[in-house]
PDB file of N, CA and C in Angstrom:
ATOM      1  N   MET A   1      57.426 119.040  77.864  1.00  0.00           N
ATOM      2  CA  MET A   1      58.668 119.783  77.732  1.00  0.00           C
ATOM      3  C   MET A   1      59.833 118.751  78.415  1.00  0.00           C
ATOM      4  N   PRO A   2      60.819 118.597  77.612  1.00  0.00           N
ATOM      5  CA  PRO A   2      62.047 117.720  78.092  1.00  0.00           C
ATOM      6  C   PRO A   2      62.750 118.404  79.145  1.00  0.00           C
ATOM      7  N   PHE A   3      63.433 117.484  79.814  1.00  0.00           N
ATOM      8  CA  PHE A   3      64.479 117.970  80.884  1.00  0.00           C
ATOM      9  C   PHE A   3      65.755 118.013  80.203  1.00  0.00           C
ATOM     10  N   LEU A   4      66.217 119.247  80.066  1.00  0.00           N
ATOM     11  CA  LEU A   4      67.548 119.375  79.365  1.00  0.00           C
ATOM     12  C   LEU A   4      68.673 119.276  80.277  1.00  0.00           C
ATOM     13  N   LEU A   5      69.494 118.319  79.886  1.00  0.00           N
ATOM     14  CA  LEU A   5      70.813 118.284  80.976  1.00  0.00           C
ATOM     15  C   LEU A   5      71.717 119.488  80.363  1.00  0.00           C
ATOM     16  N   PRO A   6      72.574 119.765  81.453  1.00  0.00           N
ATOM     17  CA  PRO A   6      73.558 120.846  81.117  1.00  0.00           C
ATOM     18  C   PRO A   6      74.737 120.482  80.369  1.00  0.00           C
ATOM     19  N   LYS A   7      75.607 121.337  79.980  1.00  0.00           N
ATOM     20  CA  LYS A   7      76.610 121.108  79.159  1.00  0.00           C
ATOM     21  C   LYS A   7      77.682 120.170  79.853  1.00  0.00           C
ATOM     22  N   ILE A   8      77.797 120.449  81.270  1.00  0.00           N
ATOM     23  CA  ILE A   8      78.856 119.769  82.173  1.00  0.00           C
ATOM     24  C   ILE A   8      78.024 118.902  83.261  1.00  0.00           C
ATOM     25  N   VAL A   9      78.309 117.674  83.296  1.00  0.00           N
ATOM     26  CA  VAL A   9      77.963 116.785  84.387  1.00  0.00           C
ATOM     27  C   VAL A   9      78.971 115.878  84.830  1.00  0.00           C
ATOM     28  N   THR A  10      79.391 116.290  85.955  1.00  0.00           N
ATOM     29  CA  THR A  10      80.634 115.574  86.733  1.00  0.00           C
ATOM     30  C   THR A  10      80.269 115.270  88.189  1.00  0.00           C
ATOM     31  N   GLN A  11      81.165 114.609  88.934  1.00  0.00           N
ATOM     32  CA  GLN A  11      80.869 114.628  90.401  1.00  0.00           C
ATOM     33  C   GLN A  11      80.564 115.919  91.094  1.00  0.00           C
ATOM     34  N   GLU A  12      81.225 117.124  90.611  1.00  0.00           N
ATOM     35  CA  GLU A  12      80.878 118.314  91.168  1.00  0.00           C
ATOM     36  C   GLU A  12      79.514 118.820  91.093  1.00  0.00           C
ATOM     37  N   ASN A  13      78.751 118.502  90.218  1.00  0.00           N
ATOM     38  CA  ASN A  13      77.439 118.937  90.016  1.00  0.00           C
ATOM     39  C   ASN A  13      76.201 117.783  89.901  1.00  0.00           C
ATOM     40  N   ALA A  14      76.701 116.565  89.973  1.00  0.00           N
ATOM     41  CA  ALA A  14      75.735 115.444  89.734  1.00  0.00           C
ATOM     42  C   ALA A  14      74.768 115.433  90.935  1.00  0.00           C
ATOM     43  N   MET A  15      74.980 115.462  92.113  1.00  0.00           N
ATOM     44  CA  MET A  15      74.053 115.473  93.150  1.00  0.00           C
ATOM     45  C   MET A  15      72.923 116.638  93.026  1.00  0.00           C
ATOM     46  N   GLN A  16      73.433 117.759  92.733  1.00  0.00           N
ATOM     47  CA  GLN A  16      72.509 118.900  92.627  1.00  0.00           C
ATOM     48  C   GLN A  16      71.665 118.766  91.301  1.00  0.00           C
ATOM     49  N   LEU A  17      72.237 118.296  90.322  1.00  0.00           N
ATOM     50  CA  LEU A  17      71.393 117.895  89.108  1.00  0.00           C
ATOM     51  C   LEU A  17      70.383 116.882  89.434  1.00  0.00           C
ATOM     52  N   GLN A  18      70.927 115.936  90.137  1.00  0.00           N
ATOM     53  CA  GLN A  18      69.810 114.767  90.541  1.00  0.00           C
ATOM     54  C   GLN A  18      68.678 115.333  91.350  1.00  0.00           C
ATOM     55  N   LYS A  19      69.003 116.234  92.243  1.00  0.00           N
ATOM     56  CA  LYS A  19      67.924 116.759  93.225  1.00  0.00           C
ATOM     57  C   LYS A  19      66.937 117.578  92.193  1.00  0.00           C
ATOM     58  N   GLU A  20      67.602 118.352  91.268  1.00  0.00           N
ATOM     59  CA  GLU A  20      66.701 119.255  90.483  1.00  0.00           C
ATOM     60  C   GLU A  20      65.747 118.289  89.583  1.00  0.00           C
ATOM     61  N   GLY A  21      66.056 117.396  89.193  1.00  0.00           N
ATOM     62  CA  GLY A  21      65.291 116.587  88.273  1.00  0.00           C
ATOM     63  C   GLY A  21      64.362 115.853  89.124  1.00  0.00           C
ATOM     64  N   LEU A  22      64.544 115.372  90.376  1.00  0.00           N
ATOM     65  CA  LEU A  22      63.524 114.795  91.195  1.00  0.00           C
ATOM     66  C   LEU A  22      62.490 115.715  91.372  1.00  0.00           C
ATOM     67  N   LEU A  23      62.812 117.082  91.700  1.00  0.00           N
ATOM     68  CA  LEU A  23      61.722 118.072  91.871  1.00  0.00           C
ATOM     69  C   LEU A  23      60.807 118.285  90.674  1.00  0.00           C
ATOM     70  N   ASN A  24      61.388 117.806  89.552  1.00  0.00           N
ATOM     71  CA  ASN A  24      60.583 118.018  88.327  1.00  0.00           C
ATOM     72  C   ASN A  24      60.332 116.701  87.621  1.00  0.00           C
ATOM     73  N   LEU A  25      59.765 115.721  88.195  1.00  0.00           N
ATOM     74  CA  LEU A  25      59.525 114.278  87.743  1.00  0.00           C
ATOM     75  C   LEU A  25      58.929 114.309  86.409  1.00  0.00           C
ATOM     76  N   ALA A  26      57.920 115.055  86.140  1.00  0.00           N
ATOM     77  CA  ALA A  26      57.303 115.173  84.952  1.00  0.00           C
ATOM     78  C   ALA A  26      58.134 115.335  83.693  1.00  0.00           C
ATOM     79  N   ALA A  27      58.984 116.125  83.657  1.00  0.00           N
ATOM     80  CA  ALA A  27      59.945 116.548  82.681  1.00  0.00           C
ATOM     81  C   ALA A  27      60.788 115.335  82.582  1.00  0.00           C
ATOM     82  N   LEU A  28      61.085 114.507  83.506  1.00  0.00           N
ATOM     83  CA  LEU A  28      62.062 113.464  83.410  1.00  0.00           C
ATOM     84  C   LEU A  28      61.769 112.396  82.495  1.00  0.00           C
ATOM     85  N   ARG A  29      60.585 112.224  82.134  1.00  0.00           N
ATOM     86  CA  ARG A  29      60.104 111.355  81.159  1.00  0.00           C
ATOM     87  C   ARG A  29      60.849 111.393  79.772  1.00  0.00           C
ATOM     88  N   LEU A  30      61.241 112.692  79.636  1.00  0.00           N
ATOM     89  CA  LEU A  30      61.954 112.963  78.324  1.00  0.00           C
ATOM     90  C   LEU A  30      63.247 113.572  78.708  1.00  0.00           C
ATOM     91  N   VAL A  31      64.506 113.018  78.696  1.00  0.00           N
ATOM     92  CA  VAL A  31      65.795 113.812  78.995  1.00  0.00           C
ATOM     93  C   VAL A  31      66.405 114.219  77.638  1.00  0.00           C
ATOM     94  N   ASP A  32      66.685 115.330  77.507  1.00  0.00           N
ATOM     95  CA  ASP A  32      67.340 115.897  76.372  1.00  0.00           C
ATOM     96  C   ASP A  32      68.981 115.987  76.563  1.00  0.00           C
ATOM     97  N   CYS A  33      69.755 115.086  75.860  1.00  0.00           N
ATOM     98  CA  CYS A  33      71.164 115.375  76.154  1.00  0.00           C
ATOM     99  C   CYS A  33      71.887 116.256  75.098  1.00  0.00           C
ATOM    100  N   SER A  34      71.145 116.823  74.154  1.00  0.00           N
ATOM    101  CA  SER A  34      71.918 117.668  73.210  1.00  0.00           C
ATOM    102  C   SER A  34      72.847 118.678  73.636  1.00  0.00           C
ATOM    103  N   SER A  35      72.730 119.086  74.796  1.00  0.00           N
ATOM    104  CA  SER A  35      73.692 120.170  75.430  1.00  0.00           C
ATOM    105  C   SER A  35      74.969 119.535  75.858  1.00  0.00           C
ATOM    106  N   LEU A  36      74.716 118.325  76.353  1.00  0.00           N
ATOM    107  CA  LEU A  36      75.761 117.417  77.268  1.00  0.00           C
ATOM    108  C   LEU A  36      77.151 117.479  76.295  1.00  0.00           C
ATOM    109  N   LYS A  37      78.253 117.981  76.865  1.00  0.00           N
ATOM    110  CA  LYS A  37      79.532 117.973  76.025  1.00  0.00           C
ATOM    111  C   LYS A  37      80.568 117.501  77.047  1.00  0.00           C
ATOM    112  N   ASP A  38      80.828 117.867  78.299  1.00  0.00           N
ATOM    113  CA  ASP A  38      81.844 117.493  79.147  1.00  0.00           C
ATOM    114  C   ASP A  38      81.048 116.687  80.224  1.00  0.00           C
ATOM    115  N   PHE A  39      81.480 115.270  80.396  1.00  0.00           N
ATOM    116  CA  PHE A  39      80.678 114.508  81.505  1.00  0.00           C
ATOM    117  C   PHE A  39      81.484 113.426  81.725  1.00  0.00           C
ATOM    118  N   ASP A  40      81.170 112.709  82.896  1.00  0.00           N
ATOM    119  CA  ASP A  40      81.911 111.545  83.179  1.00  0.00           C
ATOM    120  C   ASP A  40      80.652 110.426  83.469  1.00  0.00           C
ATOM    121  N   SER A  41      81.089 109.285  84.113  1.00  0.00           N
ATOM    122  CA  SER A  41      80.025 108.263  84.422  1.00  0.00           C
ATOM    123  C   SER A  41      79.165 108.611  85.301  1.00  0.00           C
ATOM    124  N   THR A  42      79.287 109.768  86.060  1.00  0.00           N
ATOM    125  CA  THR A  42      78.448 109.990  87.176  1.00  0.00           C
ATOM    126  C   THR A  42      76.948 110.435  86.389  1.00  0.00           C
ATOM    127  N   VAL A  43      77.093 110.793  85.207  1.00  0.00           N
ATOM    128  CA  VAL A  43      75.921 111.093  84.547  1.00  0.00           C
ATOM    129  C   VAL A  43      74.924 109.795  84.272  1.00  0.00           C
ATOM    130  N   LEU A  44      75.604 108.762  84.272  1.00  0.00           N
ATOM    131  CA  LEU A  44      74.767 107.419  84.366  1.00  0.00           C
ATOM    132  C   LEU A  44      74.111 107.193  85.619  1.00  0.00           C
ATOM    133  N   THR A  45      74.722 107.514  86.610  1.00  0.00           N
ATOM    134  CA  THR A  45      74.135 107.394  87.955  1.00  0.00           C
ATOM    135  C   THR A  45      73.027 108.371  88.144  1.00  0.00           C
ATOM    136  N   VAL A  46      73.181 109.480  87.545  1.00  0.00           N
ATOM    137  CA  VAL A  46      71.888 110.377  87.712  1.00  0.00           C
ATOM    138  C   VAL A  46      70.786 109.934  86.858  1.00  0.00           C
ATOM    139  N   LEU A  47      71.111 109.501  85.828  1.00  0.00           N
ATOM    140  CA  LEU A  47      70.003 108.970  84.802  1.00  0.00           C
ATOM    141  C   LEU A  47      69.271 107.705  85.379  1.00  0.00           C
ATOM    142  N   LEU A  48      70.100 106.932  85.897  1.00  0.00           N
ATOM    143  CA  LEU A  48      69.426 105.658  86.544  1.00  0.00           C
ATOM    144  C   LEU A  48      68.806 106.003  87.744  1.00  0.00           C
ATOM    145  N   ALA A  49      69.180 106.882  88.686  1.00  0.00           N
ATOM    146  CA  ALA A  49      68.497 107.295  89.828  1.00  0.00           C
ATOM    147  C   ALA A  49      67.041 107.811  89.208  1.00  0.00           C
ATOM    148  N   TRP A  50      67.185 108.607  88.368  1.00  0.00           N
ATOM    149  CA  TRP A  50      65.796 109.230  87.749  1.00  0.00           C
ATOM    150  C   TRP A  50      64.741 108.087  87.289  1.00  0.00           C
ATOM    151  N   LYS A  51      65.380 107.167  86.512  1.00  0.00           N
ATOM    152  CA  LYS A  51      64.888 106.000  86.042  1.00  0.00           C
ATOM    153  C   LYS A  51      64.093 105.219  87.003  1.00  0.00           C
ATOM    154  N   ASN A  52      64.930 104.963  88.077  1.00  0.00           N
ATOM    155  CA  ASN A  52      64.357 104.208  89.235  1.00  0.00           C
ATOM    156  C   ASN A  52      62.984 104.995  89.880  1.00  0.00           C
ATOM    157  N   CYS A  53      63.303 106.137  90.184  1.00  0.00           N
ATOM    158  CA  CYS A  53      62.293 106.983  90.744  1.00  0.00           C
ATOM    159  C   CYS A  53      60.924 107.059  89.767  1.00  0.00           C
ATOM    160  N   LEU A  54      61.123 107.260  88.528  1.00  0.00           N
ATOM    161  CA  LEU A  54      59.906 107.160  87.672  1.00  0.00           C
ATOM    162  C   LEU A  54      59.380 105.813  87.565  1.00  0.00           C
ATOM    163  N   GLN A  55      60.105 104.794  87.682  1.00  0.00           N
ATOM    164  CA  GLN A  55      59.597 103.558  87.592  1.00  0.00           C
ATOM    165  C   GLN A  55      58.700 103.002  88.699  1.00  0.00           C
ATOM    166  N   GLU A  56      59.065 103.720  90.006  1.00  0.00           N
ATOM    167  CA  GLU A  56      58.327 103.467  91.152  1.00  0.00           C
ATOM    168  C   GLU A  56      56.814 104.033  90.986  1.00  0.00           C
ATOM    169  N   ASP A  57      56.741 105.020  90.043  1.00  0.00           N
ATOM    170  CA  ASP A  57      55.370 105.730  89.659  1.00  0.00           C
ATOM    171  C   ASP A  57      54.782 105.003  88.540  1.00  0.00           C
ATOM    172  N   GLY A  58      55.377 103.945  87.953  1.00  0.00           N
ATOM    173  CA  GLY A  58      54.915 103.323  86.820  1.00  0.00           C
ATOM    174  C   GLY A  58      55.244 103.992  85.492  1.00  0.00           C
ATOM    175  N   GLN A  59      56.058 104.857  85.531  1.00  0.00           N
ATOM    176  CA  GLN A  59      56.530 105.747  84.274  1.00  0.00           C
ATOM    177  C   GLN A  59      57.986 105.284  83.822  1.00  0.00           C
ATOM    178  N   SER A  60      58.397 105.770  82.596  1.00  0.00           N
ATOM    179  CA  SER A  60      59.594 105.406  82.239  1.00  0.00           C
ATOM    180  C   SER A  60      60.176 106.637  81.937  1.00  0.00           C
ATOM    181  N   ILE A  61      61.753 106.363  81.511  1.00  0.00           N
ATOM    182  CA  ILE A  61      62.457 107.608  81.193  1.00  0.00           C
ATOM    183  C   ILE A  61      62.881 107.371  79.792  1.00  0.00           C
ATOM    184  N   SER A  62      63.082 108.485  78.938  1.00  0.00           N
ATOM    185  CA  SER A  62      63.311 108.322  77.626  1.00  0.00           C
ATOM    186  C   SER A  62      64.357 109.251  77.402  1.00  0.00           C
ATOM    187  N   VAL A  63      65.575 108.696  76.940  1.00  0.00           N
ATOM    188  CA  VAL A  63      66.940 109.730  76.717  1.00  0.00           C
ATOM    189  C   VAL A  63      67.159 109.988  75.236  1.00  0.00           C
ATOM    190  N   GLU A  64      67.126 111.212  74.805  1.00  0.00           N
ATOM    191  CA  GLU A  64      67.201 111.433  73.517  1.00  0.00           C
ATOM    192  C   GLU A  64      68.498 112.430  73.126  1.00  0.00           C
ATOM    193  N   HIS A  65      69.000 112.306  71.892  1.00  0.00           N
ATOM    194  CA  HIS A  65      70.089 113.193  71.524  1.00  0.00           C
ATOM    195  C   HIS A  65      71.262 112.854  72.345  1.00  0.00           C
ATOM    196  N   ALA A  66      71.538 111.522  72.709  1.00  0.00           N
ATOM    197  CA  ALA A  66      72.639 111.135  73.425  1.00  0.00           C
ATOM    198  C   ALA A  66      74.039 111.098  72.822  1.00  0.00           C
ATOM    199  N   PRO A  67      74.870 111.697  73.174  1.00  0.00           N
ATOM    200  CA  PRO A  67      76.337 111.784  72.487  1.00  0.00           C
ATOM    201  C   PRO A  67      76.836 110.342  72.369  1.00  0.00           C
ATOM    202  N   GLU A  68      77.681 110.204  71.471  1.00  0.00           N
ATOM    203  CA  GLU A  68      78.224 108.795  71.310  1.00  0.00           C
ATOM    204  C   GLU A  68      79.013 108.327  72.464  1.00  0.00           C
ATOM    205  N   LYS A  69      79.770 109.345  73.168  1.00  0.00           N
ATOM    206  CA  LYS A  69      80.552 108.896  74.440  1.00  0.00           C
ATOM    207  C   LYS A  69      79.617 108.538  75.460  1.00  0.00           C
ATOM    208  N   LEU A  70      78.438 108.935  75.707  1.00  0.00           N
ATOM    209  CA  LEU A  70      77.523 108.489  76.588  1.00  0.00           C
ATOM    210  C   LEU A  70      76.968 106.977  76.341  1.00  0.00           C
ATOM    211  N   LYS A  71      76.741 106.653  74.914  1.00  0.00           N
ATOM    212  CA  LYS A  71      76.349 105.666  74.510  1.00  0.00           C
ATOM    213  C   LYS A  71      77.479 104.501  74.757  1.00  0.00           C
ATOM    214  N   VAL A  72      78.722 104.994  74.595  1.00  0.00           N
ATOM    215  CA  VAL A  72      79.793 103.958  74.902  1.00  0.00           C
ATOM    216  C   VAL A  72      79.936 103.676  76.461  1.00  0.00           C
ATOM    217  N   LEU A  73      79.870 104.813  77.218  1.00  0.00           N
ATOM    218  CA  LEU A  73      79.967 104.649  78.686  1.00  0.00           C
ATOM    219  C   LEU A  73      78.846 103.593  79.345  1.00  0.00           C
ATOM    220  N   ALA A  74      77.767 103.865  78.557  1.00  0.00           N
ATOM    221  CA  ALA A  74      76.580 103.029  79.147  1.00  0.00           C
ATOM    222  C   ALA A  74      76.680 101.719  78.620  1.00  0.00           C
ATOM    223  N   SER A  75      77.414 101.485  77.660  1.00  0.00           N
ATOM    224  CA  SER A  75      77.567 100.073  77.023  1.00  0.00           C
ATOM    225  C   SER A  75      78.689  99.371  77.944  1.00  0.00           C
ATOM    226  N   VAL A  76      79.677 100.177  78.254  1.00  0.00           N
ATOM    227  CA  VAL A  76      80.888  99.710  79.038  1.00  0.00           C
ATOM    228  C   VAL A  76      80.242  99.302  80.513  1.00  0.00           C
ATOM    229  N   TYR A  77      79.478  99.928  81.016  1.00  0.00           N
ATOM    230  CA  TYR A  77      78.912  99.701  82.480  1.00  0.00           C
ATOM    231  C   TYR A  77      77.708  98.893  82.389  1.00  0.00           C
ATOM    232  N   GLY A  78      77.208  98.485  81.199  1.00  0.00           N
ATOM    233  CA  GLY A  78      76.196  97.567  81.102  1.00  0.00           C
ATOM    234  C   GLY A  78      74.776  98.097  81.265  1.00  0.00           C
ATOM    235  N   VAL A  79      74.641  99.287  81.202  1.00  0.00           N
ATOM    236  CA  VAL A  79      73.261  99.952  81.434  1.00  0.00           C
ATOM    237  C   VAL A  79      72.648 100.600  80.101  1.00  0.00           C
ATOM    238  N   SER A  80      73.060 100.272  78.881  1.00  0.00           N
ATOM    239  CA  SER A  80      72.466 100.712  77.693  1.00  0.00           C
ATOM    240  C   SER A  80      71.082 100.304  77.579  1.00  0.00           C
ATOM    241  N   ALA A  81      70.624  99.053  77.845  1.00  0.00           N
ATOM    242  CA  ALA A  81      69.306  98.679  77.666  1.00  0.00           C
ATOM    243  C   ALA A  81      68.388  99.407  78.889  1.00  0.00           C
ATOM    244  N   LEU A  82      68.963  99.555  79.923  1.00  0.00           N
ATOM    245  CA  LEU A  82      68.108 100.175  80.879  1.00  0.00           C
ATOM    246  C   LEU A  82      67.813 101.515  80.638  1.00  0.00           C
ATOM    247  N   LEU A  83      68.645 102.328  79.842  1.00  0.00           N
ATOM    248  CA  LEU A  83      68.466 103.599  79.532  1.00  0.00           C
ATOM    249  C   LEU A  83      67.987 103.805  78.084  1.00  0.00           C
ATOM    250  N   GLY A  84      67.748 102.823  77.511  1.00  0.00           N
ATOM    251  CA  GLY A  84      67.350 102.789  76.145  1.00  0.00           C
ATOM    252  C   GLY A  84      68.310 103.315  75.233  1.00  0.00           C
ATOM    253  N   LEU A  85      69.810 103.055  75.419  1.00  0.00           N
ATOM    254  CA  LEU A  85      70.584 103.646  74.565  1.00  0.00           C
ATOM    255  C   LEU A  85      71.247 102.498  73.839  1.00  0.00           C
TER     256      LEU A  85
END
């Protein structure tokens, strides 16, 4: 079962979201962004933190249904390849 990102991911909820994900590492192998509507670059920080944690366990993260804005942000920050975007 994928980890479903909430509709909003900003500085106000990013740390809590990161903690929730780390408590559910198995689900983080597949992150579903289909609900994501209102977000800023902090969502990249969360995704990269999860990726790094999974990588330590020899696992990888897969991000699906990424909105175009997320792909553009990842490209601007140079992390598209790291997140498979």
